[in-house]
């Protein structure tokens, strides 16, 4: 990256390169495009975290939903086991 300083373009060192004027940084990362590993240019937020692509956001959302469902199922199993250990018949509760 080069930045115009006093009429002269100066090479900027470091990645991601921070641009405080817009509150972002720009840098490279290695990712898959069409199944091929490539170097990709990306935006970085003020904390240095890379902005996810729409595909990555969707994958992350899907994984979070899967984990939440799994945790809910485990919780139900734990509650059912607790009721059974107290001698409560689940089938009778559900028939009421």
C-alpha atoms as a PDB file:
ATOM      1  CA  UNK A   1       0.000   0.000   0.000  1.00  0.00           C
ATOM      2  CA  UNK A   2       1.110   3.513  -0.736  1.00  0.00           C
ATOM      3  CA  UNK A   3      -0.143   6.683   0.889  1.00  0.00           C
ATOM      4  CA  UNK A   4       0.233  10.172  -0.502  1.00  0.00           C
ATOM      5  CA  UNK A   5       2.152  12.229   2.061  1.00  0.00           C
ATOM      6  CA  UNK A   6       3.317  15.758   1.252  1.00  0.00           C
ATOM      7  CA  UNK A   7       2.925  15.102  -2.469  1.00  0.00           C
ATOM      8  CA  UNK A   8       4.982  11.902  -2.416  1.00  0.00           C
ATOM      9  CA  UNK A   9       3.665   8.344  -2.342  1.00  0.00           C
ATOM     10  CA  UNK A  10       5.149   6.507   0.653  1.00  0.00           C
ATOM     11  CA  UNK A  11       5.172   2.731   0.985  1.00  0.00           C
ATOM     12  CA  UNK A  12       3.184   1.703   4.059  1.00  0.00           C
ATOM     13  CA  UNK A  13       4.498  -1.223   6.076  1.00  0.00           C
ATOM     14  CA  UNK A  14       2.402  -3.825   7.905  1.00  0.00           C
ATOM     15  CA  UNK A  15      -0.834  -5.656   7.368  1.00  0.00           C
ATOM     16  CA  UNK A  16      -3.553  -5.021   7.673  1.00  0.00           C
ATOM     17  CA  UNK A  17      -2.810  -1.464   6.682  1.00  0.00           C
ATOM     18  CA  UNK A  18      -4.912   0.829   8.866  1.00  0.00           C
ATOM     19  CA  UNK A  19      -6.824   3.715   7.391  1.00  0.00           C
ATOM     20  CA  UNK A  20      -8.058   5.738  10.374  1.00  0.00           C
ATOM     21  CA  UNK A  21      -9.848   8.139   8.025  1.00  0.00           C
ATOM     22  CA  UNK A  22     -12.430   5.437   7.285  1.00  0.00           C
ATOM     23  CA  UNK A  23     -12.037   3.291  10.409  1.00  0.00           C
ATOM     24  CA  UNK A  24     -10.916   0.239   8.432  1.00  0.00           C
ATOM     25  CA  UNK A  25      -7.834  -1.654   7.483  1.00  0.00           C
ATOM     26  CA  UNK A  26      -7.040  -3.563   4.317  1.00  0.00           C
ATOM     27  CA  UNK A  27      -4.939  -6.666   4.082  1.00  0.00           C
ATOM     28  CA  UNK A  28      -4.505 -10.112   2.609  1.00  0.00           C
ATOM     29  CA  UNK A  29      -5.532 -13.543   3.817  1.00  0.00           C
ATOM     30  CA  UNK A  30      -5.507 -17.040   2.385  1.00  0.00           C
ATOM     31  CA  UNK A  31      -8.947 -18.363   1.469  1.00  0.00           C
ATOM     32  CA  UNK A  32     -10.823 -20.648  -0.867  1.00  0.00           C
ATOM     33  CA  UNK A  33     -12.383 -19.361  -4.053  1.00  0.00           C
ATOM     34  CA  UNK A  34     -14.122 -21.966  -6.148  1.00  0.00           C
ATOM     35  CA  UNK A  35     -12.379 -24.651  -4.137  1.00  0.00           C
ATOM     36  CA  UNK A  36      -8.918 -23.220  -4.839  1.00  0.00           C
ATOM     37  CA  UNK A  37      -6.654 -21.701  -2.190  1.00  0.00           C
ATOM     38  CA  UNK A  38      -5.896 -18.091  -3.113  1.00  0.00           C
ATOM     39  CA  UNK A  39      -4.567 -14.926  -1.570  1.00  0.00           C
ATOM     40  CA  UNK A  40      -7.518 -12.565  -1.112  1.00  0.00           C
ATOM     41  CA  UNK A  41      -7.695  -8.868  -0.312  1.00  0.00           C
ATOM     42  CA  UNK A  42     -10.075  -8.086   2.540  1.00  0.00           C
ATOM     43  CA  UNK A  43     -11.261  -5.361   4.891  1.00  0.00           C
ATOM     44  CA  UNK A  44     -10.392  -5.437   8.596  1.00  0.00           C
ATOM     45  CA  UNK A  45     -12.274  -3.659  11.373  1.00  0.00           C
ATOM     46  CA  UNK A  46     -10.776  -1.337  13.974  1.00  0.00           C
ATOM     47  CA  UNK A  47      -9.903  -4.261  16.252  1.00  0.00           C
ATOM     48  CA  UNK A  48      -8.036  -6.072  13.481  1.00  0.00           C
ATOM     49  CA  UNK A  49     -10.683  -8.699  12.793  1.00  0.00           C
ATOM     50  CA  UNK A  50     -11.225  -9.576   9.146  1.00  0.00           C
ATOM     51  CA  UNK A  51     -14.668  -8.817   7.765  1.00  0.00           C
ATOM     52  CA  UNK A  52     -16.297 -12.095   6.793  1.00  0.00           C
ATOM     53  CA  UNK A  53     -17.555 -12.733   3.283  1.00  0.00           C
ATOM     54  CA  UNK A  54     -21.309 -13.340   2.869  1.00  0.00           C
ATOM     55  CA  UNK A  55     -20.579 -17.055   2.452  1.00  0.00           C
ATOM     56  CA  UNK A  56     -18.505 -17.136   5.644  1.00  0.00           C
ATOM     57  CA  UNK A  57     -21.234 -15.260   7.549  1.00  0.00           C
ATOM     58  CA  UNK A  58     -23.824 -17.797   6.367  1.00  0.00           C
ATOM     59  CA  UNK A  59     -21.592 -20.730   7.334  1.00  0.00           C
ATOM     60  CA  UNK A  60     -20.979 -19.155  10.752  1.00  0.00           C
ATOM     61  CA  UNK A  61     -24.724 -18.534  11.260  1.00  0.00           C
ATOM     62  CA  UNK A  62     -25.570 -22.114  10.259  1.00  0.00           C
ATOM     63  CA  UNK A  63     -22.942 -23.511  12.642  1.00  0.00           C
ATOM     64  CA  UNK A  64     -24.206 -21.330  15.508  1.00  0.00           C
ATOM     65  CA  UNK A  65     -27.765 -22.543  14.886  1.00  0.00           C
ATOM     66  CA  UNK A  66     -26.573 -26.176  14.808  1.00  0.00           C
ATOM     67  CA  UNK A  67     -24.735 -25.734  18.109  1.00  0.00           C
ATOM     68  CA  UNK A  68     -27.744 -24.037  19.743  1.00  0.00           C
ATOM     69  CA  UNK A  69     -30.014 -26.882  18.628  1.00  0.00           C
ATOM     70  CA  UNK A  70     -27.561 -29.472  19.936  1.00  0.00           C
ATOM     71  CA  UNK A  71     -27.330 -27.697  23.305  1.00  0.00           C
ATOM     72  CA  UNK A  72     -31.125 -27.507  23.558  1.00  0.00           C
ATOM     73  CA  UNK A  73     -31.434 -31.225  22.808  1.00  0.00           C
ATOM     74  CA  UNK A  74     -28.828 -32.032  25.476  1.00  0.00           C
ATOM     75  CA  UNK A  75     -30.705 -29.878  27.984  1.00  0.00           C
ATOM     76  CA  UNK A  76     -33.967 -31.700  27.252  1.00  0.00           C
ATOM     77  CA  UNK A  77     -32.214 -35.054  27.748  1.00  0.00           C
ATOM     78  CA  UNK A  78     -30.790 -33.859  31.079  1.00  0.00           C
ATOM     79  CA  UNK A  79     -34.203 -32.662  32.261  1.00  0.00           C
ATOM     80  CA  UNK A  80     -35.853 -35.927  31.203  1.00  0.00           C
ATOM     81  CA  UNK A  81     -33.211 -37.915  33.100  1.00  0.00           C
ATOM     82  CA  UNK A  82     -33.691 -35.733  36.178  1.00  0.00           C
ATOM     83  CA  UNK A  83     -37.463 -36.319  36.100  1.00  0.00           C
ATOM     84  CA  UNK A  84     -36.961 -40.075  35.688  1.00  0.00           C
ATOM     85  CA  UNK A  85     -34.545 -40.112  38.628  1.00  0.00           C
ATOM     86  CA  UNK A  86     -37.313 -38.522  40.726  1.00  0.00           C
ATOM     87  CA  UNK A  87     -39.723 -41.285  39.714  1.00  0.00           C
ATOM     88  CA  UNK A  88     -41.753 -39.075  37.398  1.00  0.00           C
ATOM     89  CA  UNK A  89     -43.123 -40.947  34.399  1.00  0.00           C
ATOM     90  CA  UNK A  90     -42.721 -38.737  31.346  1.00  0.00           C
ATOM     91  CA  UNK A  91     -45.368 -40.527  29.304  1.00  0.00           C
ATOM     92  CA  UNK A  92     -47.994 -39.856  32.012  1.00  0.00           C
ATOM     93  CA  UNK A  93     -47.032 -36.158  32.114  1.00  0.00           C
ATOM     94  CA  UNK A  94     -47.378 -35.825  28.368  1.00  0.00           C
ATOM     95  CA  UNK A  95     -50.799 -37.535  28.290  1.00  0.00           C
ATOM     96  CA  UNK A  96     -52.317 -34.955  30.695  1.00  0.00           C
END
